[in-house]
C-alpha atoms as a PDB file:
ATOM      1  CA  MET A   1     -42.467  57.682 -41.496  1.00  0.00           C
ATOM      2  CA  ALA A   2     -42.079  57.274 -45.374  1.00  0.00           C
ATOM      3  CA  PRO A   3     -42.870  54.043 -47.060  1.00  0.00           C
ATOM      4  CA  THR A   4     -39.265  53.910 -48.490  1.00  0.00           C
ATOM      5  CA  MET A   5     -37.925  54.134 -44.943  1.00  0.00           C
ATOM      6  CA  GLY A   6     -40.005  51.396 -43.694  1.00  0.00           C
ATOM      7  CA  ALA A   7     -39.134  49.187 -46.703  1.00  0.00           C
ATOM      8  CA  PHE A   8     -35.561  50.039 -45.978  1.00  0.00           C
ATOM      9  CA  LEU A   9     -35.729  49.068 -42.418  1.00  0.00           C
ATOM     10  CA  VAL A  10     -37.474  45.810 -43.460  1.00  0.00           C
ATOM     11  CA  VAL A  11     -34.552  45.261 -45.836  1.00  0.00           C
ATOM     12  CA  GLU A  12     -31.930  45.932 -43.265  1.00  0.00           C
ATOM     13  CA  ALA A  13     -33.633  43.638 -40.981  1.00  0.00           C
ATOM     14  CA  LYS A  14     -34.103  40.934 -43.480  1.00  0.00           C
ATOM     15  CA  LYS A  15     -30.063  41.395 -44.085  1.00  0.00           C
ATOM     16  CA  SER A  16     -29.480  41.182 -40.506  1.00  0.00           C
ATOM     17  CA  ARG A  17     -31.107  38.029 -40.072  1.00  0.00           C
ATOM     18  CA  GLU A  18     -29.410  36.537 -43.063  1.00  0.00           C
ATOM     19  CA  GLU A  19     -25.972  37.471 -42.052  1.00  0.00           C
ATOM     20  CA  GLU A  20     -27.040  36.225 -38.295  1.00  0.00           C
ATOM     21  CA  GLU A  21     -28.253  33.000 -40.079  1.00  0.00           C
ATOM     22  CA  ILE A  22     -24.698  32.757 -41.647  1.00  0.00           C
ATOM     23  CA  ARG A  23     -22.788  33.451 -38.724  1.00  0.00           C
ATOM     24  CA  LEU A  24     -24.776  30.734 -36.889  1.00  0.00           C
ATOM     25  CA  ARG A  25     -24.293  28.194 -39.897  1.00  0.00           C
ATOM     26  CA  LYS A  26     -20.397  29.067 -39.767  1.00  0.00           C
ATOM     27  CA  ARG A  27     -20.327  28.516 -36.057  1.00  0.00           C
ATOM     28  CA  ASN A  28     -22.376  25.231 -36.243  1.00  0.00           C
ATOM     29  CA  MET A  29     -19.835  23.956 -38.884  1.00  0.00           C
ATOM     30  CA  GLU A  30     -16.947  24.915 -36.727  1.00  0.00           C
ATOM     31  CA  LEU A  31     -18.486  23.110 -33.684  1.00  0.00           C
ATOM     32  CA  GLU A  32     -19.312  19.899 -35.730  1.00  0.00           C
ATOM     33  CA  ARG A  33     -15.836  19.690 -36.890  1.00  0.00           C
ATOM     34  CA  GLU A  34     -14.595  20.334 -33.301  1.00  0.00           C
ATOM     35  CA  LEU A  35     -16.887  17.691 -32.250  1.00  0.00           C
ATOM     36  CA  ARG A  36     -15.575  15.183 -34.613  1.00  0.00           C
ATOM     37  CA  ARG A  37     -11.935  15.977 -33.655  1.00  0.00           C
ATOM     38  CA  SER A  38     -12.845  15.345 -30.250  1.00  0.00           C
ATOM     39  CA  GLN A  39     -14.467  12.007 -31.057  1.00  0.00           C
ATOM     40  CA  GLU A  40     -11.364  11.112 -32.927  1.00  0.00           C
ATOM     41  CA  ARG A  41      -9.487  11.859 -30.058  1.00  0.00           C
ATOM     42  CA  GLU A  42     -11.537   9.898 -27.829  1.00  0.00           C
ATOM     43  CA  GLU A  43     -11.366   6.944 -30.046  1.00  0.00           C
ATOM     44  CA  GLU A  44      -7.608   7.061 -30.205  1.00  0.00           C
ATOM     45  CA  MET A  45      -7.357   7.206 -26.431  1.00  0.00           C
ATOM     46  CA  ARG A  46      -9.722   4.181 -26.023  1.00  0.00           C
ATOM     47  CA  LYS A  47      -7.267   2.302 -28.320  1.00  0.00           C
ATOM     48  CA  GLU A  48      -4.608   3.463 -26.392  1.00  0.00           C
ATOM     49  CA  LEU A  49      -6.045   2.438 -23.268  1.00  0.00           C
ATOM     50  CA  GLN A  50      -6.838  -0.968 -24.602  1.00  0.00           C
ATOM     51  CA  ARG A  51      -3.083  -1.368 -25.746  1.00  0.00           C
ATOM     52  CA  ALA A  52      -2.019  -0.235 -22.266  1.00  0.00           C
ATOM     53  CA  TRP A  53      -4.349  -2.714 -20.620  1.00  0.00           C
ATOM     54  CA  GLU A  54      -2.904  -5.167 -22.780  1.00  0.00           C
ATOM     55  CA  ARG A  55       0.537  -4.602 -21.982  1.00  0.00           C
ATOM     56  CA  LEU A  56      -0.083  -4.688 -18.293  1.00  0.00           C
ATOM     57  CA  ARG A  57      -2.004  -8.022 -18.560  1.00  0.00           C
ATOM     58  CA  ILE A  58       1.119  -9.335 -20.447  1.00  0.00           C
ATOM     59  CA  ALA A  59       3.510  -7.771 -17.903  1.00  0.00           C
ATOM     60  CA  GLU A  60       1.335  -9.340 -14.811  1.00  0.00           C
ATOM     61  CA  GLU A  61       1.596 -12.782 -16.657  1.00  0.00           C
ATOM     62  CA  ALA A  62       5.245 -12.251 -16.847  1.00  0.00           C
ATOM     63  CA  GLU A  63       5.599 -11.483 -13.245  1.00  0.00           C
ATOM     64  CA  GLU A  64       3.468 -14.520 -12.258  1.00  0.00           C
ATOM     65  CA  ARG A  65       5.749 -16.814 -14.201  1.00  0.00           C
ATOM     66  CA  LEU A  66       8.996 -15.198 -12.951  1.00  0.00           C
ATOM     67  CA  CYS A  67       8.013 -15.385  -9.329  1.00  0.00           C
ATOM     68  CA  SER A  68       7.027 -19.122 -10.092  1.00  0.00           C
ATOM     69  CA  GLN A  69      10.315 -19.694 -11.311  1.00  0.00           C
ATOM     70  CA  LEU A  70      12.162 -17.809  -8.675  1.00  0.00           C
ATOM     71  CA  GLY A  71      10.057 -19.951  -6.230  1.00  0.00           C
ATOM     72  CA  GLU A  72      11.532 -23.150  -7.954  1.00  0.00           C
ATOM     73  CA  LEU A  73      15.025 -21.704  -7.865  1.00  0.00           C
ATOM     74  CA  GLU A  74      14.760 -20.716  -4.076  1.00  0.00           C
ATOM     75  CA  ALA A  75      13.540 -24.422  -3.494  1.00  0.00           C
ATOM     76  CA  GLU A  76      16.370 -25.861  -5.354  1.00  0.00           C
ATOM     77  CA  ALA A  77      18.984 -23.587  -3.712  1.00  0.00           C
ATOM     78  CA  VAL A  78      17.618 -24.907  -0.343  1.00  0.00           C
ATOM     79  CA  HIS A  79      17.686 -28.319  -1.258  1.00  0.00           C
ATOM     80  CA  GLN A  80      21.328 -28.081  -2.568  1.00  0.00           C
ATOM     81  CA  ALA A  81      22.415 -26.206   0.495  1.00  0.00           C
ATOM     82  CA  ARG A  82      20.935 -28.958   2.669  1.00  0.00           C
ATOM     83  CA  GLU A  83      22.679 -31.653   0.447  1.00  0.00           C
ATOM     84  CA  TYR A  84      25.922 -29.624   0.549  1.00  0.00           C
ATOM     85  CA  ASN A  85      25.760 -29.328   4.575  1.00  0.00           C
ATOM     86  CA  ALA A  86      25.044 -33.034   4.628  1.00  0.00           C
ATOM     87  CA  ARG A  87      27.926 -33.808   2.789  1.00  0.00           C
ATOM     88  CA  VAL A  88      30.301 -31.454   4.791  1.00  0.00           C
ATOM     89  CA  LEU A  89      29.110 -33.113   8.052  1.00  0.00           C
ATOM     90  CA  SER A  90      29.727 -36.608   6.546  1.00  0.00           C
ATOM     91  CA  LEU A  91      33.236 -35.541   5.516  1.00  0.00           C
ATOM     92  CA  MET A  92      33.831 -34.103   9.105  1.00  0.00           C
ATOM     93  CA  ASP A  93      32.585 -37.362  10.532  1.00  0.00           C
ATOM     94  CA  GLN A  94      34.680 -39.347   8.280  1.00  0.00           C
ATOM     95  CA  ILE A  95      37.808 -36.945   9.040  1.00  0.00           C
ATOM     96  CA  SER A  96      37.281 -37.408  12.804  1.00  0.00           C
ATOM     97  CA  ARG A  97      37.097 -41.168  12.654  1.00  0.00           C
ATOM     98  CA  THR A  98      40.299 -41.236  10.674  1.00  0.00           C
ATOM     99  CA  GLN A  99      41.793 -39.202  13.040  1.00  0.00           C
ATOM    100  CA  LEU A 100      41.031 -41.221  16.095  1.00  0.00           C
ATOM    101  CA  PRO A 101      43.213 -44.179  15.281  1.00  0.00           C
ATOM    102  CA  GLN A 102      45.913 -41.847  14.310  1.00  0.00           C
ATOM    103  CA  SER A 103      45.771 -39.990  17.577  1.00  0.00           C
ATOM    104  CA  SER A 104      45.970 -43.464  19.543  1.00  0.00           C
ATOM    105  CA  THR A 105      48.980 -44.322  17.239  1.00  0.00           C
ATOM    106  CA  SER A 106      50.676 -41.127  18.366  1.00  0.00           C
ATOM    107  CA  SER A 107      50.356 -41.944  22.002  1.00  0.00           C
ATOM    108  CA  SER A 108      52.556 -45.139  21.189  1.00  0.00           C
ATOM    109  CA  PRO A 109      56.428 -44.469  20.427  1.00  0.00           C
ATOM    110  CA  ALA A 110      57.339 -42.492  17.551  1.00  0.00           C
ATOM    111  CA  LEU A 111      58.149 -44.492  14.476  1.00  0.00           C
ATOM    112  CA  PHE A 112      60.301 -41.750  13.088  1.00  0.00           C
ATOM    113  CA  GLN A 113      62.865 -40.380  15.248  1.00  0.00           C
ATOM    114  CA  TYR A 114      65.645 -37.810  13.963  1.00  0.00           C
END
């Protein structure tokens, strides 16, 4: 092998290593950019998850308030229904008491004859 040929091979090997190094640096830069984008997406997802948790907490609190209000309304409705029922029974009792004397008078001779 001639000395020029050996020098040529050394230069080519060095050139090949430099090209490989450049290629690896470019790839490394691409991977670093991709990593940054991935970290940014991850941070955005964390923020979105936090917002979703906050919305869920608010919805659960609202649900608890609504259930409490519904319970109060149901209790009030039951109370009103009982009062209404008692009033109806009272009126029925009054009607039956007023009709008793009338029925005894109706057994007496009729006041109005045609």
